[in-house]
Amino acid sequence: MRAARLVEPSKRIQLAQSLELLVKEVARGGPSPVPGPTILRREPIARNRAALLALTRRLRSNGLHCLPGLAMADHLIRFGDSPLYMALGPVQLRRQVEDILAALEPDWDGLPVDMPQEDC
């Protein structure tokens, strides 16, 4: 049931809206706008604004959105142990967003973006 819910367009829009709110409130210096985890480290969000907004655009776009990427985006937003809330620095959050963007694509090979691939 959870997988079926994640692929619904309304869930993707909800994820995008949550990210947009977080980015906006961090820029304003306001409190966490999303019920749930508290943002403990705001710098990673502020420094990854463009990447996070690219993810929101991808979530709002038409076309295929693969389940692994949707599950990763959901985890990023809903769980307090994710780099969105607990990143030690901007690079950790950026890599997570890059991995989510890759996992949303149908040709994703299951590897992190920065992992070298061996020649066949």
C-alpha atoms as a PDB file:
ATOM      1  CA  MET A   1       0.000   0.000   0.000  1.00  0.00           C
ATOM      2  CA  ARG A   2       2.831   2.399   0.808  1.00  0.00           C
ATOM      3  CA  ALA A   3       4.374   1.895  -2.635  1.00  0.00           C
ATOM      4  CA  ALA A   4       1.037   2.554  -4.330  1.00  0.00           C
ATOM      5  CA  ARG A   5       0.656   5.768  -2.342  1.00  0.00           C
ATOM      6  CA  LEU A   6       4.179   6.971  -3.196  1.00  0.00           C
ATOM      7  CA  VAL A   7       3.587   6.799  -6.943  1.00  0.00           C
ATOM      8  CA  GLU A   8       0.396   8.873  -6.793  1.00  0.00           C
ATOM      9  CA  PRO A   9       0.862  12.350  -8.309  1.00  0.00           C
ATOM     10  CA  SER A  10      -0.682  13.931  -5.197  1.00  0.00           C
ATOM     11  CA  LYS A  11       2.055  12.384  -3.014  1.00  0.00           C
ATOM     12  CA  ARG A  12       4.771  13.694  -5.330  1.00  0.00           C
ATOM     13  CA  ILE A  13       3.232  17.174  -5.125  1.00  0.00           C
ATOM     14  CA  GLN A  14       3.081  16.886  -1.340  1.00  0.00           C
ATOM     15  CA  LEU A  15       6.779  15.949  -1.217  1.00  0.00           C
ATOM     16  CA  ALA A  16       7.669  18.868  -3.479  1.00  0.00           C
ATOM     17  CA  GLN A  17       5.623  21.301  -1.376  1.00  0.00           C
ATOM     18  CA  SER A  18       7.290  20.114   1.831  1.00  0.00           C
ATOM     19  CA  LEU A  19      10.751  20.655   0.344  1.00  0.00           C
ATOM     20  CA  GLU A  20       9.803  24.088  -0.964  1.00  0.00           C
ATOM     21  CA  LEU A  21       8.521  25.101   2.468  1.00  0.00           C
ATOM     22  CA  LEU A  22      11.705  23.918   4.157  1.00  0.00           C
ATOM     23  CA  VAL A  23      13.920  25.805   1.715  1.00  0.00           C
ATOM     24  CA  LYS A  24      11.815  28.944   2.048  1.00  0.00           C
ATOM     25  CA  GLU A  25      11.756  28.898   5.854  1.00  0.00           C
ATOM     26  CA  VAL A  26      15.492  28.256   6.109  1.00  0.00           C
ATOM     27  CA  ALA A  27      16.093  31.246   3.822  1.00  0.00           C
ATOM     28  CA  ARG A  28      13.848  33.390   6.035  1.00  0.00           C
ATOM     29  CA  GLY A  29      15.361  32.032   9.244  1.00  0.00           C
ATOM     30  CA  GLY A  30      11.956  30.835  10.426  1.00  0.00           C
ATOM     31  CA  PRO A  31      10.995  27.724  12.374  1.00  0.00           C
ATOM     32  CA  SER A  32      10.570  24.335  10.759  1.00  0.00           C
ATOM     33  CA  PRO A  33       7.323  24.612   8.729  1.00  0.00           C
ATOM     34  CA  VAL A  34       6.722  20.896   8.345  1.00  0.00           C
ATOM     35  CA  PRO A  35       5.307  18.877  11.231  1.00  0.00           C
ATOM     36  CA  GLY A  36       7.841  16.329  12.309  1.00  0.00           C
ATOM     37  CA  PRO A  37      11.608  16.545  12.596  1.00  0.00           C
ATOM     38  CA  THR A  38      13.296  19.780  13.580  1.00  0.00           C
ATOM     39  CA  ILE A  39      15.992  21.179  11.310  1.00  0.00           C
ATOM     40  CA  LEU A  40      19.128  20.993  13.431  1.00  0.00           C
ATOM     41  CA  ARG A  41      21.589  22.193  10.817  1.00  0.00           C
ATOM     42  CA  ARG A  42      20.325  24.868   8.439  1.00  0.00           C
ATOM     43  CA  GLU A  43      23.547  25.540   6.518  1.00  0.00           C
ATOM     44  CA  PRO A  44      23.342  22.355   4.403  1.00  0.00           C
ATOM     45  CA  ILE A  45      19.833  23.330   3.271  1.00  0.00           C
ATOM     46  CA  ALA A  46      20.819  26.932   2.578  1.00  0.00           C
ATOM     47  CA  ARG A  47      23.889  25.883   0.582  1.00  0.00           C
ATOM     48  CA  ASN A  48      21.928  23.277  -1.405  1.00  0.00           C
ATOM     49  CA  ARG A  49      18.958  25.465  -2.245  1.00  0.00           C
ATOM     50  CA  ALA A  50      19.378  25.028  -6.012  1.00  0.00           C
ATOM     51  CA  ALA A  51      19.686  21.229  -5.776  1.00  0.00           C
ATOM     52  CA  LEU A  52      16.661  20.958  -3.487  1.00  0.00           C
ATOM     53  CA  LEU A  53      14.583  23.136  -5.804  1.00  0.00           C
ATOM     54  CA  ALA A  54      15.718  21.002  -8.766  1.00  0.00           C
ATOM     55  CA  LEU A  55      14.380  18.000  -6.869  1.00  0.00           C
ATOM     56  CA  THR A  56      11.050  19.761  -6.306  1.00  0.00           C
ATOM     57  CA  ARG A  57      10.812  20.524 -10.033  1.00  0.00           C
ATOM     58  CA  ARG A  58      11.543  16.882 -10.844  1.00  0.00           C
ATOM     59  CA  LEU A  59       8.894  15.680  -8.393  1.00  0.00           C
ATOM     60  CA  ARG A  60       6.344  18.032  -9.979  1.00  0.00           C
ATOM     61  CA  SER A  61       7.239  17.056 -13.547  1.00  0.00           C
ATOM     62  CA  ASN A  62       5.145  14.772 -15.718  1.00  0.00           C
ATOM     63  CA  GLY A  63       6.396  11.406 -16.803  1.00  0.00           C
ATOM     64  CA  LEU A  64       7.801   8.398 -15.057  1.00  0.00           C
ATOM     65  CA  HIS A  65       9.004   8.646 -11.459  1.00  0.00           C
ATOM     66  CA  CYS A  66      10.623   5.427 -10.297  1.00  0.00           C
ATOM     67  CA  LEU A  67       9.625   4.038  -6.922  1.00  0.00           C
ATOM     68  CA  PRO A  68      13.146   3.863  -5.395  1.00  0.00           C
ATOM     69  CA  GLY A  69      13.636   7.588  -5.947  1.00  0.00           C
ATOM     70  CA  LEU A  70      10.206   8.404  -4.538  1.00  0.00           C
ATOM     71  CA  ALA A  71      10.922   6.295  -1.455  1.00  0.00           C
ATOM     72  CA  MET A  72      14.282   8.033  -1.011  1.00  0.00           C
ATOM     73  CA  ALA A  73      12.655  11.470  -1.340  1.00  0.00           C
ATOM     74  CA  ASP A  74       9.980  10.492   1.166  1.00  0.00           C
ATOM     75  CA  HIS A  75      12.633   9.340   3.638  1.00  0.00           C
ATOM     76  CA  LEU A  76      14.652  12.519   3.140  1.00  0.00           C
ATOM     77  CA  ILE A  77      11.653  14.653   4.083  1.00  0.00           C
ATOM     78  CA  ARG A  78       9.879  12.585   6.742  1.00  0.00           C
ATOM     79  CA  PHE A  79      12.666  11.100   8.849  1.00  0.00           C
ATOM     80  CA  GLY A  80      14.780  13.087  11.277  1.00  0.00           C
ATOM     81  CA  ASP A  81      17.873  10.978  10.632  1.00  0.00           C
ATOM     82  CA  SER A  82      18.076  12.086   6.985  1.00  0.00           C
ATOM     83  CA  PRO A  83      20.687  14.573   5.720  1.00  0.00           C
ATOM     84  CA  LEU A  84      17.939  17.169   5.328  1.00  0.00           C
ATOM     85  CA  TYR A  85      17.816  17.465   9.108  1.00  0.00           C
ATOM     86  CA  MET A  86      21.091  15.978  10.325  1.00  0.00           C
ATOM     87  CA  ALA A  87      23.673  16.556   7.576  1.00  0.00           C
ATOM     88  CA  LEU A  88      27.148  17.106   8.941  1.00  0.00           C
ATOM     89  CA  GLY A  89      27.780  19.446   6.033  1.00  0.00           C
ATOM     90  CA  PRO A  90      26.435  20.615   2.670  1.00  0.00           C
ATOM     91  CA  VAL A  91      28.176  17.864   0.681  1.00  0.00           C
ATOM     92  CA  GLN A  92      26.322  15.084   2.491  1.00  0.00           C
ATOM     93  CA  LEU A  93      22.936  16.614   1.635  1.00  0.00           C
ATOM     94  CA  ARG A  94      23.976  17.408  -1.956  1.00  0.00           C
ATOM     95  CA  ARG A  95      25.024  13.800  -2.553  1.00  0.00           C
ATOM     96  CA  GLN A  96      21.742  12.524  -1.159  1.00  0.00           C
ATOM     97  CA  VAL A  97      19.749  14.841  -3.438  1.00  0.00           C
ATOM     98  CA  GLU A  98      21.864  13.765  -6.438  1.00  0.00           C
ATOM     99  CA  ASP A  99      21.227  10.104  -5.577  1.00  0.00           C
ATOM    100  CA  ILE A 100      17.481  10.746  -5.302  1.00  0.00           C
ATOM    101  CA  LEU A 101      17.400  12.528  -8.663  1.00  0.00           C
ATOM    102  CA  ALA A 102      19.252   9.607 -10.240  1.00  0.00           C
ATOM    103  CA  ALA A 103      16.956   7.034  -8.598  1.00  0.00           C
ATOM    104  CA  LEU A 104      13.875   8.767 -10.004  1.00  0.00           C
ATOM    105  CA  GLU A 105      15.068   7.911 -13.529  1.00  0.00           C
ATOM    106  CA  PRO A 106      14.121   4.645 -15.258  1.00  0.00           C
ATOM    107  CA  ASP A 107      17.718   3.866 -16.272  1.00  0.00           C
ATOM    108  CA  TRP A 108      19.120   4.159 -12.731  1.00  0.00           C
ATOM    109  CA  ASP A 109      21.585   1.354 -12.038  1.00  0.00           C
ATOM    110  CA  GLY A 110      21.141   1.328  -8.268  1.00  0.00           C
ATOM    111  CA  LEU A 111      24.544   2.834  -7.559  1.00  0.00           C
ATOM    112  CA  PRO A 112      25.216   6.137  -5.800  1.00  0.00           C
ATOM    113  CA  VAL A 113      26.002   8.959  -8.231  1.00  0.00           C
ATOM    114  CA  ASP A 114      29.618   9.330  -7.077  1.00  0.00           C
ATOM    115  CA  MET A 115      30.395   5.583  -7.154  1.00  0.00           C
ATOM    116  CA  PRO A 116      32.778   4.641  -9.964  1.00  0.00           C
ATOM    117  CA  GLN A 117      31.495   2.063 -12.403  1.00  0.00           C
ATOM    118  CA  GLU A 118      33.717  -0.678 -13.767  1.00  0.00           C
ATOM    119  CA  ASP A 119      34.086  -1.112 -17.510  1.00  0.00           C
ATOM    120  CA  CYS A 120      32.443  -4.236 -18.888  1.00  0.00           C
END
